Amino acid sequence: MVTISNRVSRWTPLFFVFALANFLTAQALIVAGLTWPAQAALVPGTLVAVHLLTVGWLLLLMLGALFQFVPVITSTPLPSQHLALATLIAVQGGLLGMICGFMGIAGVLPGHSRALPAGGVAVLAGVLIASGNIGVPLIRGRPLTLPARLVLTGLAFLLLTVLLGLAFALTLTVPAIAPALVPLLAGVGDHALAGLGGWFTLAAMGVSYKLLPMFMLAPEERGVTGDWVHVLGTAGFSLAVAGGLGAVWLSAPLARVAQVAGYAAIAGAVALYLWDVARIYRTRKRAVVEAHNLCAVGAFGFLGLAAGVGIASLTAGRLAEATPALVFLIVFGWLGGLGLTQLYKIIPFLTWLNRYGSSLGRGAVPRVQDLVKESRSYPWFVCYFLGVLLAVLSALFDWRIAFRPAFALVPLATVGLAIEYARAWRGRYVREQPTAPAVSPFLPHERGRP
């Protein structure tokens, strides 16, 4: 049995710090007009922002969360905490290399284009390290639970995504092998689908299937519904990605059939998942829904909206035109929204474990909820989701002049939420309570201060 103390991932808070920094940097580029829609979708500024969002924000956020919760899911500790730190160094260092590479291709940093494949190799190394560190306890924790199956499937798509990205980088920077890899450039959209769908969405579903019941005291067993979410999601993203990549070598009609079948399965998985999430909320035993789960409804709503926009654009034959707005909707509305809302619980939870976990049963300790002041969070979550909604509507209806003013609400809200995370981390709201127990320092360098 894993005790509370060794279930805490010592590097997870640092993952979150870097993830939020990357998230805000990407938002600053968008507000500055250096990316889509003010610029073309494939200009270096857009590529930099996209990889800050996917690699720097979502990947680090997801891996940090998994390093914390996989031991909880499996009751098995991670093979190594040092490997978690190695993952952070490799992924963040690789991201910086990729950014230098994109800027080198644009001529902003002449001679640095070769940094792109080097950064891709570093990210691949980080992903392989993380996959082993996460995958080993998941596989050992048999029988595999639904969250474990979804996360393992997501990790397979993550490896595919990174390998495709590395192939693109080599095509753009190494002329000697470019002719053999050039056909793959047609699969940029499939690279995004494998990452945002097969990896991030399936992994997010898996994590949410653990966190939602755990924090709302709802039944964890999802039965046949959860199994079908996994099966349809896996089959759907596999068929859609394979159809897109296969179009390079296979006949167009056959590839198109695979893609359409994949999209239909994805839509079915999303519909079942959202229905099942609603069932979790209905069957909860906790009378009052906490702020993070109440505001997470906005993220689930954006997932449904993204599915609707995708189906409508596919039916109208305008999927290619709608893809940038669809990616924005998924990255900021669904995945970004879910990440920000769950951080509002995960960070106080980690803080509570570090400060009070060993004191449980030995005296008065605060609740996890005492580490936050929920009334301060609601305006920021409303501001964030409103900004995303107005920005995506501006993009979908080609109101480009309105996009940046609308989107400016997003970094404003992100900064506000980051301040609330920091206050929870430092135990500010516990210290404000007149009868609260003493708060021990969370950060090692603060110990000994008055």
Protein backbone atom coordinates (compact mmCIF):
# COMPACT_ATOMS: atom_id res chain seq x y z
CA MET A 1 0.00 0.00 0.00
CA VAL A 2 1.30 3.47 -0.90
CA THR A 3 1.19 5.96 1.97
CA ILE A 4 0.12 9.57 1.60
CA SER A 5 3.66 10.85 1.96
CA ASN A 6 5.17 8.86 -0.89
CA ARG A 7 2.24 9.54 -3.17
CA VAL A 8 3.32 13.17 -3.46
CA SER A 9 5.27 13.93 -6.63
CA ARG A 10 7.96 16.39 -5.56
CA TRP A 11 8.38 17.89 -9.05
CA THR A 12 4.72 18.27 -10.01
CA PRO A 13 4.44 21.88 -8.71
CA LEU A 14 7.44 22.85 -10.86
CA PHE A 15 5.75 21.30 -13.91
CA PHE A 16 2.75 23.54 -13.22
CA VAL A 17 4.91 26.66 -12.85
CA PHE A 18 6.58 26.12 -16.24
CA ALA A 19 3.26 25.16 -17.84
CA LEU A 20 1.56 28.37 -16.71
CA ALA A 21 4.55 30.46 -17.81
CA ASN A 22 4.40 28.92 -21.29
CA PHE A 23 0.63 29.40 -21.40
CA LEU A 24 0.91 33.10 -20.61
CA THR A 25 3.74 33.57 -23.12
CA ALA A 26 1.60 32.08 -25.90
CA GLN A 27 -1.31 34.29 -24.88
CA ALA A 28 0.95 37.35 -25.05
CA LEU A 29 1.97 36.46 -28.61
CA ILE A 30 -1.69 36.16 -29.61
CA VAL A 31 -2.67 39.48 -28.04
CA ALA A 32 0.33 41.12 -29.74
CA GLY A 33 -1.01 40.02 -33.14
CA LEU A 34 1.98 37.83 -33.99
CA THR A 35 -0.10 34.71 -34.62
CA TRP A 36 -3.29 33.51 -36.26
CA PRO A 37 -5.77 35.06 -37.03
CA ALA A 38 -3.83 38.33 -37.39
CA GLN A 39 -1.17 36.31 -39.25
CA ALA A 40 -1.32 33.20 -41.41
CA ALA A 41 -1.87 29.86 -39.70
CA LEU A 42 1.58 28.48 -40.58
CA VAL A 43 3.81 31.54 -40.03
CA PRO A 44 6.62 31.08 -37.44
CA GLY A 45 4.79 33.20 -34.84
CA THR A 46 1.77 30.91 -34.99
CA LEU A 47 3.94 27.80 -34.88
CA VAL A 48 5.77 29.13 -31.83
CA ALA A 49 2.49 29.89 -30.05
CA VAL A 50 0.98 26.52 -31.00
CA HIS A 51 3.94 24.62 -29.56
CA LEU A 52 4.02 26.80 -26.45
CA LEU A 53 0.40 25.80 -25.96
CA THR A 54 0.66 22.11 -26.81
CA VAL A 55 4.15 21.18 -25.61
CA GLY A 56 4.79 23.93 -23.07
CA TRP A 57 1.34 24.20 -21.50
CA LEU A 58 -0.77 21.11 -22.10
CA LEU A 59 1.99 18.48 -22.21
CA LEU A 60 3.74 19.71 -19.06
CA LEU A 61 0.40 20.18 -17.31
CA MET A 62 -0.76 16.67 -18.17
CA LEU A 63 2.54 14.98 -17.30
CA GLY A 64 2.76 16.88 -14.02
CA ALA A 65 -0.75 15.79 -13.11
CA LEU A 66 -0.07 12.18 -14.14
CA PHE A 67 3.13 12.00 -12.08
CA GLN A 68 0.95 12.93 -9.10
CA PHE A 69 -2.16 10.84 -9.76
CA VAL A 70 -0.87 7.66 -11.40
CA PRO A 71 0.40 6.43 -8.01
CA VAL A 72 -3.06 7.20 -6.62
CA ILE A 73 -4.78 5.33 -9.46
CA THR A 74 -2.52 2.28 -9.16
CA SER A 75 -1.48 2.34 -5.46
CA THR A 76 2.06 1.95 -6.83
CA PRO A 77 4.80 4.58 -6.56
CA LEU A 78 6.55 6.01 -9.60
CA PRO A 79 9.73 4.12 -10.52
CA SER A 80 11.75 7.32 -10.04
CA GLN A 81 11.23 10.92 -9.00
CA HIS A 82 14.50 11.77 -10.73
CA LEU A 83 13.00 10.63 -14.04
CA ALA A 84 10.18 13.13 -13.51
CA LEU A 85 12.75 15.93 -13.24
CA ALA A 86 14.57 14.59 -16.31
CA THR A 87 11.28 14.73 -18.20
CA LEU A 88 10.75 18.37 -17.26
CA ILE A 89 14.28 19.35 -18.31
CA ALA A 90 14.06 17.47 -21.62
CA VAL A 91 10.61 18.74 -22.61
CA GLN A 92 11.16 22.37 -21.61
CA GLY A 93 14.65 22.40 -23.12
CA GLY A 94 13.35 20.78 -26.29
CA LEU A 95 10.58 23.36 -26.52
CA LEU A 96 13.12 26.18 -26.35
CA GLY A 97 15.11 24.48 -29.11
CA MET A 98 12.00 24.18 -31.28
CA ILE A 99 11.20 27.86 -30.77
CA CYS A 100 14.74 28.81 -31.83
CA GLY A 101 14.32 26.55 -34.86
CA PHE A 102 11.07 28.21 -35.95
CA MET A 103 12.68 31.61 -35.56
CA GLY A 104 15.71 30.40 -37.51
CA ILE A 105 13.52 29.27 -40.39
CA ALA A 106 11.93 32.73 -40.40
CA GLY A 107 15.36 34.39 -40.47
CA VAL A 108 14.90 36.02 -37.07
CA LEU A 109 17.74 33.86 -35.67
CA PRO A 110 19.89 33.07 -38.72
CA GLY A 111 21.66 29.74 -38.56
CA HIS A 112 19.43 28.33 -35.82
CA SER A 113 17.08 26.30 -38.01
CA ARG A 114 18.86 23.05 -37.04
CA ALA A 115 17.71 23.69 -33.47
CA LEU A 116 14.24 22.55 -34.59
CA PRO A 117 15.03 18.82 -35.00
CA ALA A 118 17.36 18.96 -31.98
CA GLY A 119 14.48 20.31 -29.90
CA GLY A 120 12.21 17.64 -31.31
CA VAL A 121 14.66 14.92 -30.28
CA ALA A 122 14.82 16.37 -26.76
CA VAL A 123 11.02 16.41 -26.49
CA LEU A 124 10.91 12.82 -27.78
CA ALA A 125 13.45 11.82 -25.13
CA GLY A 126 11.33 13.49 -22.44
CA VAL A 127 8.20 11.74 -23.67
CA LEU A 128 9.92 8.34 -23.69
CA ILE A 129 11.19 8.90 -20.14
CA ALA A 130 7.73 9.98 -18.98
CA SER A 131 6.02 7.09 -20.76
CA GLY A 132 8.21 4.60 -18.91
CA ASN A 133 7.83 6.35 -15.57
CA ILE A 134 4.04 6.53 -15.94
CA GLY A 135 3.44 3.38 -17.96
CA VAL A 136 5.22 0.92 -15.65
CA PRO A 137 2.96 1.50 -12.61
CA LEU A 138 -0.12 1.64 -14.86
CA ILE A 139 0.68 -1.73 -16.43
CA ARG A 140 1.57 -3.28 -13.07
CA GLY A 141 -1.72 -2.11 -11.58
CA ARG A 142 -3.78 -4.88 -13.14
CA PRO A 143 -6.62 -5.22 -13.78
CA LEU A 144 -6.37 -1.93 -15.65
CA THR A 145 -8.98 0.59 -14.59
CA LEU A 146 -10.74 2.82 -17.13
CA PRO A 147 -8.56 5.87 -16.30
CA ALA A 148 -5.43 3.72 -16.70
CA ARG A 149 -6.57 2.36 -20.08
CA LEU A 150 -7.36 5.83 -21.38
CA VAL A 151 -4.02 7.23 -20.22
CA LEU A 152 -2.05 4.33 -21.75
CA THR A 153 -3.88 4.76 -25.05
CA GLY A 154 -3.18 8.48 -24.91
CA LEU A 155 0.53 7.82 -24.35
CA ALA A 156 0.62 5.74 -27.55
CA PHE A 157 -0.88 8.66 -29.49
CA LEU A 158 1.60 11.01 -27.80
CA LEU A 159 4.53 8.98 -29.15
CA LEU A 160 2.98 9.03 -32.62
CA THR A 161 2.45 12.80 -32.39
CA VAL A 162 6.05 13.50 -31.39
CA LEU A 163 7.46 11.18 -34.06
CA LEU A 164 5.38 12.91 -36.74
CA GLY A 165 6.52 16.30 -35.49
CA LEU A 166 10.15 15.18 -35.59
CA ALA A 167 9.66 13.97 -39.17
CA PHE A 168 8.28 17.40 -40.14
CA ALA A 169 11.27 19.10 -38.48
CA LEU A 170 13.74 16.93 -40.38
CA THR A 171 11.92 17.59 -43.64
CA LEU A 172 12.22 21.36 -43.17
CA THR A 173 15.84 21.44 -42.02
CA VAL A 174 17.76 18.46 -43.49
CA PRO A 175 17.75 18.61 -47.32
CA ALA A 176 19.42 15.21 -47.69
CA ILE A 177 16.40 13.32 -46.34
CA ALA A 178 13.69 15.84 -47.23
CA PRO A 179 12.60 14.11 -50.49
CA ALA A 180 11.71 10.93 -48.64
CA LEU A 181 9.70 12.75 -45.98
CA VAL A 182 8.06 15.55 -47.99
CA PRO A 183 4.82 13.56 -48.56
CA LEU A 184 4.29 13.52 -44.79
CA LEU A 185 3.92 17.31 -44.75
CA ALA A 186 0.39 16.75 -46.01
CA GLY A 187 -0.32 15.19 -42.62
CA VAL A 188 0.12 18.31 -40.48
CA GLY A 189 -3.58 18.19 -39.62
CA ASP A 190 -3.27 14.54 -38.61
CA HIS A 191 -0.32 15.47 -36.39
CA ALA A 192 -2.61 17.94 -34.60
CA LEU A 193 -5.46 15.42 -34.44
CA ALA A 194 -3.25 12.73 -32.91
CA GLY A 195 -1.98 15.19 -30.30
CA LEU A 196 -5.08 17.17 -29.38
CA GLY A 197 -7.43 14.23 -29.79
CA GLY A 198 -5.66 10.91 -29.33
CA TRP A 199 -3.31 12.13 -26.61
CA PHE A 200 -4.69 15.16 -24.79
CA THR A 201 -8.42 14.40 -25.05
CA LEU A 202 -8.21 10.71 -24.19
CA ALA A 203 -5.76 11.39 -21.34
CA ALA A 204 -7.95 14.24 -20.07
CA MET A 205 -10.93 11.91 -20.12
CA GLY A 206 -8.96 9.36 -18.13
CA VAL A 207 -7.81 11.88 -15.52
CA SER A 208 -11.28 13.39 -15.21
CA TYR A 209 -12.78 9.93 -14.72
CA LYS A 210 -10.59 9.71 -11.61
CA LEU A 211 -10.75 13.27 -10.31
CA LEU A 212 -14.46 14.01 -10.75
CA PRO A 213 -15.73 11.03 -8.73
CA MET A 214 -12.93 11.44 -6.17
CA PHE A 215 -13.70 15.07 -5.36
CA MET A 216 -17.50 14.82 -5.72
CA LEU A 217 -17.88 11.48 -3.91
CA ALA A 218 -19.53 9.84 -6.91
CA PRO A 219 -19.28 6.18 -8.03
CA GLU A 220 -15.99 5.59 -9.87
CA GLU A 221 -17.08 2.52 -11.81
CA ARG A 222 -18.39 3.71 -15.20
CA GLY A 223 -19.51 0.33 -16.49
CA VAL A 224 -20.13 -0.30 -20.16
CA THR A 225 -20.47 3.44 -20.89
CA GLY A 226 -16.87 4.10 -19.93
CA ASP A 227 -15.72 1.08 -21.92
CA TRP A 228 -17.46 2.39 -25.03
CA VAL A 229 -15.96 5.85 -24.55
CA HIS A 230 -12.53 4.21 -24.60
CA VAL A 231 -13.26 1.90 -27.53
CA LEU A 232 -14.94 4.53 -29.72
CA GLY A 233 -12.35 7.18 -28.87
CA THR A 234 -9.42 4.87 -29.62
CA ALA A 235 -10.94 3.54 -32.83
CA GLY A 236 -12.09 6.97 -33.95
CA PHE A 237 -8.79 8.77 -33.57
CA SER A 238 -6.91 5.78 -35.00
CA LEU A 239 -9.09 5.65 -38.12
CA ALA A 240 -9.09 9.42 -38.63
CA VAL A 241 -5.31 9.74 -38.30
CA ALA A 242 -4.62 6.63 -40.35
CA GLY A 243 -7.01 7.82 -43.07
CA GLY A 244 -5.33 11.20 -43.24
CA LEU A 245 -1.81 9.81 -43.36
CA GLY A 246 -2.85 6.95 -45.63
CA ALA A 247 -4.11 9.41 -48.23
CA VAL A 248 -0.45 9.94 -49.15
CA TRP A 249 -0.15 6.35 -50.37
CA LEU A 250 -3.70 4.94 -50.62
CA SER A 251 -6.57 5.79 -52.93
CA ALA A 252 -8.45 8.92 -51.93
CA PRO A 253 -11.89 7.22 -51.57
CA LEU A 254 -10.54 4.55 -49.21
CA ALA A 255 -8.73 7.11 -47.07
CA ARG A 256 -11.83 9.29 -47.01
CA VAL A 257 -14.01 6.41 -45.80
CA ALA A 258 -11.57 5.73 -42.96
CA GLN A 259 -11.55 9.41 -41.98
CA VAL A 260 -15.33 9.77 -41.98
CA ALA A 261 -15.75 6.56 -39.99
CA GLY A 262 -13.17 7.86 -37.53
CA TYR A 263 -14.90 11.22 -37.15
CA ALA A 264 -18.23 9.45 -36.53
CA ALA A 265 -16.67 7.28 -33.81
CA ILE A 266 -15.07 10.34 -32.20
CA ALA A 267 -18.43 12.12 -32.14
CA GLY A 268 -19.97 9.06 -30.51
CA ALA A 269 -17.22 8.89 -27.89
CA VAL A 270 -17.59 12.59 -27.04
CA ALA A 271 -21.38 12.30 -26.76
CA LEU A 272 -21.14 9.26 -24.48
CA TYR A 273 -18.43 10.90 -22.38
CA LEU A 274 -20.41 14.10 -21.85
CA TRP A 275 -23.50 12.07 -20.95
CA ASP A 276 -21.42 10.06 -18.48
CA VAL A 277 -19.92 13.22 -16.96
CA ALA A 278 -23.45 14.56 -16.44
CA ARG A 279 -24.27 11.26 -14.72
CA ILE A 280 -21.32 11.74 -12.36
CA TYR A 281 -22.63 15.16 -11.39
CA ARG A 282 -26.14 13.76 -10.84
CA THR A 283 -25.05 10.80 -8.70
CA ARG A 284 -22.57 12.65 -6.50
CA LYS A 285 -22.88 12.42 -2.72
CA ARG A 286 -21.31 15.81 -2.07
CA ALA A 287 -24.22 18.22 -1.78
CA VAL A 288 -22.32 21.36 -2.78
CA VAL A 289 -20.24 21.26 -5.95
CA GLU A 290 -16.90 22.96 -5.36
CA ALA A 291 -15.74 25.80 -7.58
CA HIS A 292 -13.33 23.77 -9.70
CA ASN A 293 -15.94 21.20 -10.68
CA LEU A 294 -18.71 23.75 -11.07
CA CYS A 295 -16.56 25.84 -13.44
CA ALA A 296 -15.36 22.71 -15.25
CA VAL A 297 -18.87 22.55 -16.72
CA GLY A 298 -17.69 25.37 -19.00
CA ALA A 299 -14.86 23.16 -20.33
CA PHE A 300 -17.25 20.27 -20.95
CA GLY A 301 -19.57 22.68 -22.75
CA PHE A 302 -16.70 23.76 -25.01
CA LEU A 303 -15.94 20.11 -25.79
CA GLY A 304 -19.54 19.67 -26.92
CA LEU A 305 -19.34 22.92 -28.90
CA ALA A 306 -16.12 21.77 -30.58
CA ALA A 307 -17.77 18.50 -31.57
CA GLY A 308 -20.75 20.42 -32.99
CA VAL A 309 -18.54 22.81 -34.95
CA GLY A 310 -16.52 19.89 -36.30
CA ILE A 311 -19.61 17.98 -37.43
CA ALA A 312 -21.19 21.07 -39.00
CA SER A 313 -18.03 22.07 -40.88
CA LEU A 314 -17.45 18.49 -42.07
CA THR A 315 -21.04 18.23 -43.31
CA ALA A 316 -20.73 21.56 -45.12
CA GLY A 317 -17.41 20.55 -46.68
CA ARG A 318 -15.58 23.40 -44.89
CA LEU A 319 -13.54 21.43 -42.36
CA ALA A 320 -10.21 22.78 -43.65
CA GLU A 321 -11.39 26.41 -43.32
CA ALA A 322 -12.77 25.81 -39.82
CA THR A 323 -9.76 23.86 -38.54
CA PRO A 324 -7.81 26.82 -37.02
CA ALA A 325 -10.88 28.00 -35.08
CA LEU A 326 -11.62 24.40 -34.07
CA VAL A 327 -8.08 23.94 -32.75
CA PHE A 328 -8.40 27.22 -30.82
CA LEU A 329 -11.70 26.03 -29.34
CA ILE A 330 -10.20 22.71 -28.23
CA VAL A 331 -6.92 24.13 -26.90
CA PHE A 332 -8.39 27.05 -24.95
CA GLY A 333 -12.01 26.05 -24.32
CA TRP A 334 -11.91 22.32 -23.67
CA LEU A 335 -8.34 21.41 -22.65
CA GLY A 336 -7.22 24.79 -21.31
CA GLY A 337 -10.47 25.32 -19.43
CA LEU A 338 -10.34 21.85 -17.88
CA GLY A 339 -6.70 22.34 -16.94
CA LEU A 340 -7.26 25.68 -15.22
CA THR A 341 -10.31 24.49 -13.31
CA GLN A 342 -8.65 21.30 -12.06
CA LEU A 343 -5.49 23.16 -11.05
CA TYR A 344 -7.70 25.12 -8.68
CA LYS A 345 -8.20 21.86 -6.75
CA ILE A 346 -4.95 20.02 -7.48
CA ILE A 347 -2.67 22.77 -6.14
CA PRO A 348 -4.48 23.07 -2.77
CA PHE A 349 -4.59 19.26 -2.63
CA LEU A 350 -0.81 19.04 -3.10
CA THR A 351 -0.27 21.81 -0.58
CA TRP A 352 -2.46 20.06 1.96
CA LEU A 353 -0.65 16.73 1.47
CA ASN A 354 2.77 18.36 1.95
CA ARG A 355 1.81 20.45 4.96
CA TYR A 356 -0.76 18.40 6.79
CA GLY A 357 -0.72 14.85 5.39
CA SER A 358 1.67 13.54 8.05
CA SER A 359 -0.29 15.33 10.82
CA LEU A 360 -3.65 13.79 10.00
CA GLY A 361 -5.15 12.33 13.17
CA ARG A 362 -2.65 14.10 15.44
CA GLY A 363 -4.48 17.38 15.87
CA ALA A 364 -6.55 20.03 14.16
CA VAL A 365 -5.82 20.46 10.46
CA PRO A 366 -7.67 22.59 7.90
CA ARG A 367 -9.69 21.17 5.06
CA VAL A 368 -8.41 21.35 1.49
CA GLN A 369 -11.21 23.86 0.78
CA ASP A 370 -9.80 26.15 3.48
CA LEU A 371 -6.72 26.77 1.33
CA VAL A 372 -8.78 28.65 -1.28
CA LYS A 373 -11.42 31.35 -1.26
CA GLU A 374 -13.84 30.24 -3.96
CA SER A 375 -15.65 33.58 -4.21
CA ARG A 376 -12.44 35.07 -5.65
CA SER A 377 -12.18 32.43 -8.38
CA TYR A 378 -15.61 32.68 -10.00
CA PRO A 379 -15.07 36.07 -11.72
CA TRP A 380 -11.80 34.84 -13.23
CA PHE A 381 -13.32 31.63 -14.57
CA VAL A 382 -16.25 33.59 -16.06
CA CYS A 383 -13.79 36.06 -17.59
CA TYR A 384 -11.71 33.22 -19.08
CA PHE A 385 -14.56 31.27 -20.66
CA LEU A 386 -16.26 34.45 -21.89
CA GLY A 387 -13.01 35.56 -23.55
CA VAL A 388 -12.60 32.18 -25.26
CA LEU A 389 -16.21 32.18 -26.45
CA LEU A 390 -16.09 35.72 -27.86
CA ALA A 391 -12.71 35.09 -29.51
CA VAL A 392 -13.79 31.86 -31.19
CA LEU A 393 -17.02 33.46 -32.42
CA SER A 394 -14.95 36.31 -33.86
CA ALA A 395 -12.78 33.78 -35.67
CA LEU A 396 -15.66 31.64 -36.95
CA PHE A 397 -17.54 34.64 -38.34
CA ASP A 398 -14.36 36.36 -39.59
CA TRP A 399 -14.68 39.39 -37.26
CA ARG A 400 -10.90 39.69 -37.00
CA ILE A 401 -11.02 43.21 -35.62
CA ALA A 402 -12.87 41.88 -32.56
CA PHE A 403 -10.68 38.84 -31.95
CA ARG A 404 -7.79 40.41 -30.04
CA PRO A 405 -9.90 42.65 -27.76
CA ALA A 406 -12.07 39.65 -26.92
CA PHE A 407 -9.10 37.37 -26.38
CA ALA A 408 -7.48 39.90 -24.03
CA LEU A 409 -9.89 38.63 -21.36
CA VAL A 410 -8.11 35.26 -21.45
CA PRO A 411 -4.64 36.34 -20.23
CA LEU A 412 -6.29 38.67 -17.72
CA ALA A 413 -8.19 35.74 -16.25
CA THR A 414 -5.17 33.43 -16.41
CA VAL A 415 -3.07 35.90 -14.39
CA GLY A 416 -5.90 36.26 -11.86
CA LEU A 417 -6.15 32.49 -11.46
CA ALA A 418 -2.37 32.11 -11.23
CA ILE A 419 -2.42 34.55 -8.30
CA GLU A 420 -5.10 32.43 -6.61
CA TYR A 421 -3.01 29.29 -7.18
CA ALA A 422 -0.02 31.03 -5.58
CA ARG A 423 -2.13 32.10 -2.59
CA ALA A 424 -3.33 28.53 -2.08
CA TRP A 425 0.23 27.25 -2.41
CA ARG A 426 1.50 29.69 0.22
CA GLY A 427 -1.42 29.01 2.58
CA ARG A 428 -2.55 32.63 2.63
CA TYR A 429 -6.23 31.98 3.25
CA VAL A 430 -5.50 29.52 6.06
CA ARG A 431 -3.35 32.13 7.83
CA GLU A 432 -6.21 34.63 7.56
CA GLN A 433 -8.49 32.37 9.62
CA PRO A 434 -8.24 33.36 13.31
CA THR A 435 -8.59 29.78 14.62
CA ALA A 436 -6.58 28.03 11.92
CA PRO A 437 -3.68 25.77 12.88
CA ALA A 438 -0.14 26.94 12.16
CA VAL A 439 0.91 26.68 8.53
CA SER A 440 4.29 25.06 7.94
CA PRO A 441 6.27 26.36 4.94
CA PHE A 442 5.67 24.52 1.68
CA LEU A 443 8.86 25.62 -0.08
CA PRO A 444 12.07 24.25 1.46
CA HIS A 445 13.94 27.58 1.15
CA GLU A 446 11.27 29.31 3.27
CA ARG A 447 11.80 27.08 6.30
CA GLY A 448 13.21 28.98 9.21
CA ARG A 449 11.58 32.27 8.22
CA PRO A 450 9.31 33.93 10.80
